[in-house]
C-alpha atoms as a PDB file:
ATOM      1  CA  UNK A   1     147.554 -98.481 139.544  1.00  0.00           C
ATOM      2  CA  UNK A   2     143.522-100.080 140.302  1.00  0.00           C
ATOM      3  CA  UNK A   3     142.763-103.344 139.594  1.00  0.00           C
ATOM      4  CA  UNK A   4     139.326-104.525 138.522  1.00  0.00           C
ATOM      5  CA  UNK A   5     137.207-105.828 141.524  1.00  0.00           C
ATOM      6  CA  UNK A   6     135.944-109.370 142.201  1.00  0.00           C
ATOM      7  CA  UNK A   7     132.643-109.535 140.807  1.00  0.00           C
ATOM      8  CA  UNK A   8     130.316-111.674 138.059  1.00  0.00           C
ATOM      9  CA  UNK A   9     128.449-110.827 135.743  1.00  0.00           C
ATOM     10  CA  UNK A  10     126.764-112.215 132.974  1.00  0.00           C
ATOM     11  CA  UNK A  11     127.538-111.528 129.189  1.00  0.00           C
ATOM     12  CA  UNK A  12     126.106-112.517 125.875  1.00  0.00           C
ATOM     13  CA  UNK A  13     126.234-116.154 124.553  1.00  0.00           C
ATOM     14  CA  UNK A  14     125.501-117.547 128.049  1.00  0.00           C
ATOM     15  CA  UNK A  15     128.750-116.385 129.459  1.00  0.00           C
ATOM     16  CA  UNK A  16     129.921-115.204 132.323  1.00  0.00           C
ATOM     17  CA  UNK A  17     132.619-111.800 132.944  1.00  0.00           C
ATOM     18  CA  UNK A  18     134.764-112.870 135.570  1.00  0.00           C
ATOM     19  CA  UNK A  19     138.369-110.946 136.135  1.00  0.00           C
ATOM     20  CA  UNK A  20     139.775-113.763 137.996  1.00  0.00           C
ATOM     21  CA  UNK A  21     138.906-116.306 135.475  1.00  0.00           C
ATOM     22  CA  UNK A  22     140.851-113.731 133.005  1.00  0.00           C
ATOM     23  CA  UNK A  23     144.126-113.553 134.927  1.00  0.00           C
ATOM     24  CA  UNK A  24     146.610-114.028 132.505  1.00  0.00           C
ATOM     25  CA  UNK A  25     145.136-112.254 129.511  1.00  0.00           C
ATOM     26  CA  UNK A  26     144.945-108.562 128.689  1.00  0.00           C
ATOM     27  CA  UNK A  27     141.022-106.680 127.864  1.00  0.00           C
ATOM     28  CA  UNK A  28     139.701-103.938 127.177  1.00  0.00           C
ATOM     29  CA  UNK A  29     136.677-103.131 128.829  1.00  0.00           C
ATOM     30  CA  UNK A  30     134.562 -99.761 126.880  1.00  0.00           C
ATOM     31  CA  UNK A  31     131.534 -98.436 128.637  1.00  0.00           C
ATOM     32  CA  UNK A  32     128.778 -97.184 126.616  1.00  0.00           C
ATOM     33  CA  UNK A  33     125.567 -95.078 127.744  1.00  0.00           C
ATOM     34  CA  UNK A  34     122.959 -97.595 125.667  1.00  0.00           C
ATOM     35  CA  UNK A  35     122.209-100.361 123.003  1.00  0.00           C
ATOM     36  CA  UNK A  36     121.036 -99.367 119.774  1.00  0.00           C
ATOM     37  CA  UNK A  37     121.741 -95.517 119.911  1.00  0.00           C
ATOM     38  CA  UNK A  38     123.126 -93.833 117.461  1.00  0.00           C
ATOM     39  CA  UNK A  39     127.194 -93.352 119.327  1.00  0.00           C
ATOM     40  CA  UNK A  40     127.079 -96.511 120.976  1.00  0.00           C
ATOM     41  CA  UNK A  41     126.431 -98.291 117.280  1.00  0.00           C
ATOM     42  CA  UNK A  42     129.657 -96.210 115.654  1.00  0.00           C
ATOM     43  CA  UNK A  43     131.886 -97.181 119.116  1.00  0.00           C
ATOM     44  CA  UNK A  44     130.873-100.616 118.804  1.00  0.00           C
ATOM     45  CA  UNK A  45     131.133-101.172 115.206  1.00  0.00           C
ATOM     46  CA  UNK A  46     135.143 -99.222 115.536  1.00  0.00           C
ATOM     47  CA  UNK A  47     135.870-102.070 118.079  1.00  0.00           C
ATOM     48  CA  UNK A  48     134.021-104.582 115.772  1.00  0.00           C
ATOM     49  CA  UNK A  49     135.978-103.178 112.508  1.00  0.00           C
ATOM     50  CA  UNK A  50     139.363-103.842 114.583  1.00  0.00           C
ATOM     51  CA  UNK A  51     138.634-107.014 116.368  1.00  0.00           C
ATOM     52  CA  UNK A  52     140.982-109.318 114.901  1.00  0.00           C
ATOM     53  CA  UNK A  53     143.682-106.672 114.933  1.00  0.00           C
ATOM     54  CA  UNK A  54     143.188-106.377 118.833  1.00  0.00           C
ATOM     55  CA  UNK A  55     142.768-110.068 118.896  1.00  0.00           C
ATOM     56  CA  UNK A  56     146.251-110.395 117.341  1.00  0.00           C
ATOM     57  CA  UNK A  57     147.759-108.071 120.111  1.00  0.00           C
ATOM     58  CA  UNK A  58     146.603-111.228 122.154  1.00  0.00           C
ATOM     59  CA  UNK A  59     143.968-108.666 123.817  1.00  0.00           C
ATOM     60  CA  UNK A  60     139.775-109.468 124.179  1.00  0.00           C
ATOM     61  CA  UNK A  61     137.695-106.639 123.970  1.00  0.00           C
ATOM     62  CA  UNK A  62     134.226-106.583 126.025  1.00  0.00           C
ATOM     63  CA  UNK A  63     131.423-103.898 125.784  1.00  0.00           C
ATOM     64  CA  UNK A  64     130.058-102.790 129.297  1.00  0.00           C
ATOM     65  CA  UNK A  65     126.148-101.175 129.744  1.00  0.00           C
ATOM     66  CA  UNK A  66     123.505-101.049 131.899  1.00  0.00           C
ATOM     67  CA  UNK A  67     121.262-102.652 129.423  1.00  0.00           C
ATOM     68  CA  UNK A  68     120.049-106.354 130.047  1.00  0.00           C
ATOM     69  CA  UNK A  69     121.572-109.322 128.406  1.00  0.00           C
ATOM     70  CA  UNK A  70     118.185-109.936 126.579  1.00  0.00           C
ATOM     71  CA  UNK A  71     118.589-106.039 124.893  1.00  0.00           C
ATOM     72  CA  UNK A  72     122.420-106.458 124.761  1.00  0.00           C
ATOM     73  CA  UNK A  73     122.122-110.209 122.722  1.00  0.00           C
ATOM     74  CA  UNK A  74     119.644-108.266 120.021  1.00  0.00           C
ATOM     75  CA  UNK A  75     122.419-105.545 120.001  1.00  0.00           C
ATOM     76  CA  UNK A  76     125.178-107.613 119.795  1.00  0.00           C
ATOM     77  CA  UNK A  77     123.601-110.062 117.084  1.00  0.00           C
ATOM     78  CA  UNK A  78     121.704-106.785 114.802  1.00  0.00           C
ATOM     79  CA  UNK A  79     125.451-105.551 114.679  1.00  0.00           C
ATOM     80  CA  UNK A  80     127.757-108.740 114.397  1.00  0.00           C
ATOM     81  CA  UNK A  81     129.825-107.974 116.871  1.00  0.00           C
ATOM     82  CA  UNK A  82     132.436-110.561 116.903  1.00  0.00           C
ATOM     83  CA  UNK A  83     132.841-109.673 121.507  1.00  0.00           C
ATOM     84  CA  UNK A  84     130.849-110.388 124.133  1.00  0.00           C
ATOM     85  CA  UNK A  85     128.444-107.706 125.968  1.00  0.00           C
ATOM     86  CA  UNK A  86     128.529-107.205 129.859  1.00  0.00           C
ATOM     87  CA  UNK A  87     125.227-106.541 131.481  1.00  0.00           C
ATOM     88  CA  UNK A  88     125.461-104.656 134.854  1.00  0.00           C
ATOM     89  CA  UNK A  89     122.224-103.194 135.598  1.00  0.00           C
ATOM     90  CA  UNK A  90     123.207-102.779 139.188  1.00  0.00           C
ATOM     91  CA  UNK A  91     125.818-100.849 138.405  1.00  0.00           C
ATOM     92  CA  UNK A  92     128.539-102.960 140.470  1.00  0.00           C
ATOM     93  CA  UNK A  93     131.316-102.548 137.699  1.00  0.00           C
ATOM     94  CA  UNK A  94     130.168 -98.696 136.791  1.00  0.00           C
ATOM     95  CA  UNK A  95     130.642 -97.944 140.292  1.00  0.00           C
ATOM     96  CA  UNK A  96     133.474 -99.667 140.766  1.00  0.00           C
ATOM     97  CA  UNK A  97     135.006 -97.905 138.141  1.00  0.00           C
ATOM     98  CA  UNK A  98     133.773 -94.278 138.280  1.00  0.00           C
ATOM     99  CA  UNK A  99     131.818 -94.194 135.430  1.00  0.00           C
ATOM    100  CA  UNK A 100     128.274 -92.959 136.937  1.00  0.00           C
ATOM    101  CA  UNK A 101     128.206 -89.450 136.449  1.00  0.00           C
ATOM    102  CA  UNK A 102     125.422 -86.672 136.122  1.00  0.00           C
ATOM    103  CA  UNK A 103     124.673 -85.377 132.539  1.00  0.00           C
ATOM    104  CA  UNK A 104     122.176 -83.069 130.935  1.00  0.00           C
ATOM    105  CA  UNK A 105     119.749 -84.513 129.051  1.00  0.00           C
ATOM    106  CA  UNK A 106     116.921 -81.860 127.446  1.00  0.00           C
ATOM    107  CA  UNK A 107     117.759 -79.352 130.012  1.00  0.00           C
ATOM    108  CA  UNK A 108     117.411 -81.688 132.987  1.00  0.00           C
ATOM    109  CA  UNK A 109     119.910 -83.769 135.043  1.00  0.00           C
ATOM    110  CA  UNK A 110     120.329 -87.433 134.875  1.00  0.00           C
ATOM    111  CA  UNK A 111     122.661 -90.253 135.713  1.00  0.00           C
ATOM    112  CA  UNK A 112     124.138 -92.030 133.461  1.00  0.00           C
ATOM    113  CA  UNK A 113     127.435 -94.171 132.026  1.00  0.00           C
ATOM    114  CA  UNK A 114     130.174 -91.847 131.367  1.00  0.00           C
ATOM    115  CA  UNK A 115     131.796 -93.279 127.616  1.00  0.00           C
ATOM    116  CA  UNK A 116     134.981 -94.767 128.970  1.00  0.00           C
ATOM    117  CA  UNK A 117     137.686 -97.048 128.015  1.00  0.00           C
ATOM    118  CA  UNK A 118     140.308 -99.026 130.577  1.00  0.00           C
ATOM    119  CA  UNK A 119     142.794-101.495 129.022  1.00  0.00           C
ATOM    120  CA  UNK A 120     143.460-104.116 131.641  1.00  0.00           C
ATOM    121  CA  UNK A 121     146.782-105.771 131.570  1.00  0.00           C
ATOM    122  CA  UNK A 122     147.273-109.860 132.446  1.00  0.00           C
ATOM    123  CA  UNK A 123     147.875-109.348 135.752  1.00  0.00           C
ATOM    124  CA  UNK A 124     144.450-107.593 136.645  1.00  0.00           C
ATOM    125  CA  UNK A 125     145.119-104.110 136.798  1.00  0.00           C
ATOM    126  CA  UNK A 126     144.225-101.292 134.565  1.00  0.00           C
ATOM    127  CA  UNK A 127     146.606 -99.428 133.002  1.00  0.00           C
ATOM    128  CA  UNK A 128     145.316 -97.137 130.964  1.00  0.00           C
ATOM    129  CA  UNK A 129     141.641 -95.447 130.313  1.00  0.00           C
ATOM    130  CA  UNK A 130     140.063 -92.655 128.436  1.00  0.00           C
ATOM    131  CA  UNK A 131     136.893 -91.124 130.208  1.00  0.00           C
ATOM    132  CA  UNK A 132     134.674 -88.599 128.473  1.00  0.00           C
ATOM    133  CA  UNK A 133     135.201 -90.326 125.292  1.00  0.00           C
ATOM    134  CA  UNK A 134     134.527 -88.935 121.740  1.00  0.00           C
ATOM    135  CA  UNK A 135     133.999 -91.534 119.752  1.00  0.00           C
ATOM    136  CA  UNK A 136     135.802 -90.884 116.594  1.00  0.00           C
ATOM    137  CA  UNK A 137     139.415 -92.127 116.286  1.00  0.00           C
ATOM    138  CA  UNK A 138     138.656 -93.369 120.170  1.00  0.00           C
ATOM    139  CA  UNK A 139     139.321 -97.266 118.903  1.00  0.00           C
ATOM    140  CA  UNK A 140     142.482 -96.630 116.781  1.00  0.00           C
ATOM    141  CA  UNK A 141     143.523 -94.940 120.027  1.00  0.00           C
ATOM    142  CA  UNK A 142     142.696 -97.730 122.215  1.00  0.00           C
ATOM    143  CA  UNK A 143     144.530-100.430 119.423  1.00  0.00           C
ATOM    144  CA  UNK A 144     147.781 -98.410 119.395  1.00  0.00           C
ATOM    145  CA  UNK A 145     148.187 -98.490 123.068  1.00  0.00           C
ATOM    146  CA  UNK A 146     147.298-101.991 123.558  1.00  0.00           C
ATOM    147  CA  UNK A 147     149.774-103.112 120.662  1.00  0.00           C
ATOM    148  CA  UNK A 148     152.205-101.556 123.009  1.00  0.00           C
ATOM    149  CA  UNK A 149     151.919-103.865 125.591  1.00  0.00           C
ATOM    150  CA  UNK A 150     153.997-107.449 126.272  1.00  0.00           C
END
Protein backbone atom coordinates (compact mmCIF):
# COMPACT_ATOMS: atom_id res chain seq x y z
CA UNK A 1 0.00 0.00 0.00
CA UNK A 2 1.64 3.23 -1.12
CA UNK A 3 1.24 6.63 0.48
CA UNK A 4 0.86 10.07 -1.03
CA UNK A 5 4.21 11.89 -0.76
CA UNK A 6 4.68 14.94 1.44
CA UNK A 7 4.40 17.82 -1.02
CA UNK A 8 2.21 20.85 -1.44
CA UNK A 9 0.67 22.05 -4.68
CA UNK A 10 -1.59 24.99 -5.55
CA UNK A 11 -5.29 24.44 -6.19
CA UNK A 12 -8.17 26.42 -7.54
CA UNK A 13 -9.90 28.68 -5.06
CA UNK A 14 -6.54 29.95 -3.76
CA UNK A 15 -5.96 26.76 -1.81
CA UNK A 16 -3.17 24.26 -1.38
CA UNK A 17 -3.19 20.50 -1.71
CA UNK A 18 -1.30 19.20 1.32
CA UNK A 19 -1.62 15.46 2.06
CA UNK A 20 -0.56 15.97 5.69
CA UNK A 21 -3.45 18.40 6.23
CA UNK A 22 -5.86 15.84 4.73
CA UNK A 23 -5.06 13.14 7.33
CA UNK A 24 -8.29 11.83 8.78
CA UNK A 25 -10.15 12.43 5.52
CA UNK A 26 -10.54 10.08 2.53
CA UNK A 27 -10.16 11.57 -0.93
CA UNK A 28 -10.01 10.81 -4.64
CA UNK A 29 -7.26 12.07 -6.94
CA UNK A 30 -8.22 11.80 -10.57
CA UNK A 31 -5.46 12.63 -13.05
CA UNK A 32 -6.42 13.87 -16.49
CA UNK A 33 -4.35 15.07 -19.47
CA UNK A 34 -5.60 18.60 -20.19
CA UNK A 35 -8.22 21.21 -19.26
CA UNK A 36 -11.00 21.92 -21.77
CA UNK A 37 -10.55 18.77 -23.86
CA UNK A 38 -13.50 16.48 -24.64
CA UNK A 39 -12.62 13.42 -22.52
CA UNK A 40 -11.39 15.51 -19.59
CA UNK A 41 -14.53 17.64 -19.68
CA UNK A 42 -16.75 14.54 -19.71
CA UNK A 43 -14.84 12.95 -16.83
CA UNK A 44 -14.95 16.15 -14.75
CA UNK A 45 -18.67 16.51 -15.38
CA UNK A 46 -19.24 12.91 -14.28
CA UNK A 47 -17.49 13.75 -10.99
CA UNK A 48 -19.63 16.92 -10.76
CA UNK A 49 -22.86 14.96 -11.29
CA UNK A 50 -21.91 12.51 -8.51
CA UNK A 51 -20.29 15.09 -6.21
CA UNK A 52 -23.05 14.95 -3.58
CA UNK A 53 -22.73 11.15 -3.46
CA UNK A 54 -18.97 11.37 -2.87
CA UNK A 55 -19.57 13.99 -0.16
CA UNK A 56 -22.22 11.77 1.47
CA UNK A 57 -19.61 8.99 1.57
CA UNK A 58 -17.21 11.41 3.32
CA UNK A 59 -14.84 11.55 0.35
CA UNK A 60 -13.37 14.71 -1.18
CA UNK A 61 -12.64 14.79 -4.93
CA UNK A 62 -9.62 16.50 -6.52
CA UNK A 63 -8.80 16.70 -10.22
CA UNK A 64 -5.09 16.86 -11.14
CA UNK A 65 -3.32 17.91 -14.33
CA UNK A 66 -0.21 19.79 -15.40
CA UNK A 67 -2.25 22.86 -16.36
CA UNK A 68 -1.74 26.16 -14.52
CA UNK A 69 -4.03 27.31 -11.71
CA UNK A 70 -5.26 30.04 -14.08
CA UNK A 71 -6.25 27.45 -16.70
CA UNK A 72 -7.86 25.33 -13.97
CA UNK A 73 -9.87 28.30 -12.67
CA UNK A 74 -11.34 28.89 -16.13
CA UNK A 75 -12.09 25.19 -16.66
CA UNK A 76 -13.66 24.82 -13.21
CA UNK A 77 -15.79 27.94 -13.66
CA UNK A 78 -16.94 27.03 -17.16
CA UNK A 79 -17.95 23.50 -16.09
CA UNK A 80 -19.27 24.50 -12.61
CA UNK A 81 -17.09 21.92 -10.87
CA UNK A 82 -17.86 21.88 -7.11
CA UNK A 83 -14.40 20.43 -6.31
CA UNK A 84 -10.87 21.81 -6.52
CA UNK A 85 -8.35 21.19 -9.29
CA UNK A 86 -4.69 20.70 -8.39
CA UNK A 87 -2.01 22.27 -10.58
CA UNK A 88 1.06 20.06 -11.03
CA UNK A 89 3.13 21.81 -13.74
CA UNK A 90 6.41 20.32 -12.48
CA UNK A 91 4.84 16.82 -12.50
CA UNK A 92 5.82 16.15 -8.87
CA UNK A 93 2.58 14.40 -7.92
CA UNK A 94 2.24 12.88 -11.40
CA UNK A 95 5.72 11.35 -11.14
CA UNK A 96 5.20 10.18 -7.55
CA UNK A 97 2.15 8.17 -8.63
CA UNK A 98 3.62 7.06 -11.94
CA UNK A 99 1.01 8.58 -14.25
CA UNK A 100 3.44 10.10 -16.78
CA UNK A 101 3.58 7.88 -19.87
CA UNK A 102 4.74 7.95 -23.46
CA UNK A 103 1.70 8.11 -25.73
CA UNK A 104 1.25 8.06 -29.48
CA UNK A 105 -0.31 11.23 -30.83
CA UNK A 106 -0.68 11.73 -34.56
CA UNK A 107 2.02 9.15 -35.24
CA UNK A 108 4.64 10.46 -32.84
CA UNK A 109 5.52 9.76 -29.23
CA UNK A 110 4.67 12.41 -26.67
CA UNK A 111 4.97 12.34 -22.90
CA UNK A 112 1.67 12.93 -21.15
CA UNK A 113 -0.61 12.12 -18.24
CA UNK A 114 -2.20 8.68 -18.35
CA UNK A 115 -5.81 9.10 -17.19
CA UNK A 116 -5.70 7.51 -13.72
CA UNK A 117 -7.66 7.63 -10.46
CA UNK A 118 -6.53 6.91 -6.90
CA UNK A 119 -8.58 6.53 -3.73
CA UNK A 120 -6.70 7.60 -0.59
CA UNK A 121 -7.91 6.49 2.84
CA UNK A 122 -8.02 8.53 6.05
CA UNK A 123 -4.43 7.49 6.91
CA UNK A 124 -3.06 8.75 3.59
CA UNK A 125 -2.66 5.33 1.93
CA UNK A 126 -3.66 4.60 -1.65
CA UNK A 127 -6.26 1.84 -1.25
CA UNK A 128 -7.42 1.57 -4.87
CA UNK A 129 -6.12 2.71 -8.24
CA UNK A 130 -7.32 2.69 -11.81
CA UNK A 131 -4.86 3.30 -14.66
CA UNK A 132 -5.48 3.80 -18.36
CA UNK A 133 -9.02 4.87 -17.49
CA UNK A 134 -11.78 4.87 -20.08
CA UNK A 135 -14.21 7.65 -19.13
CA UNK A 136 -17.66 6.03 -19.67
CA UNK A 137 -18.83 4.45 -16.39
CA UNK A 138 -15.57 5.15 -14.56
CA UNK A 139 -16.84 7.68 -12.00
CA UNK A 140 -19.68 5.34 -10.99
CA UNK A 141 -17.12 2.56 -10.44
CA UNK A 142 -15.05 4.88 -8.22
CA UNK A 143 -18.17 5.94 -6.32
CA UNK A 144 -19.22 2.32 -5.78
CA UNK A 145 -15.77 1.62 -4.30
CA UNK A 146 -15.64 4.65 -1.96
CA UNK A 147 -19.08 3.80 -0.62
CA UNK A 148 -17.51 0.59 0.77
CA UNK A 149 -14.88 2.52 2.80
CA UNK A 150 -15.38 2.67 6.55
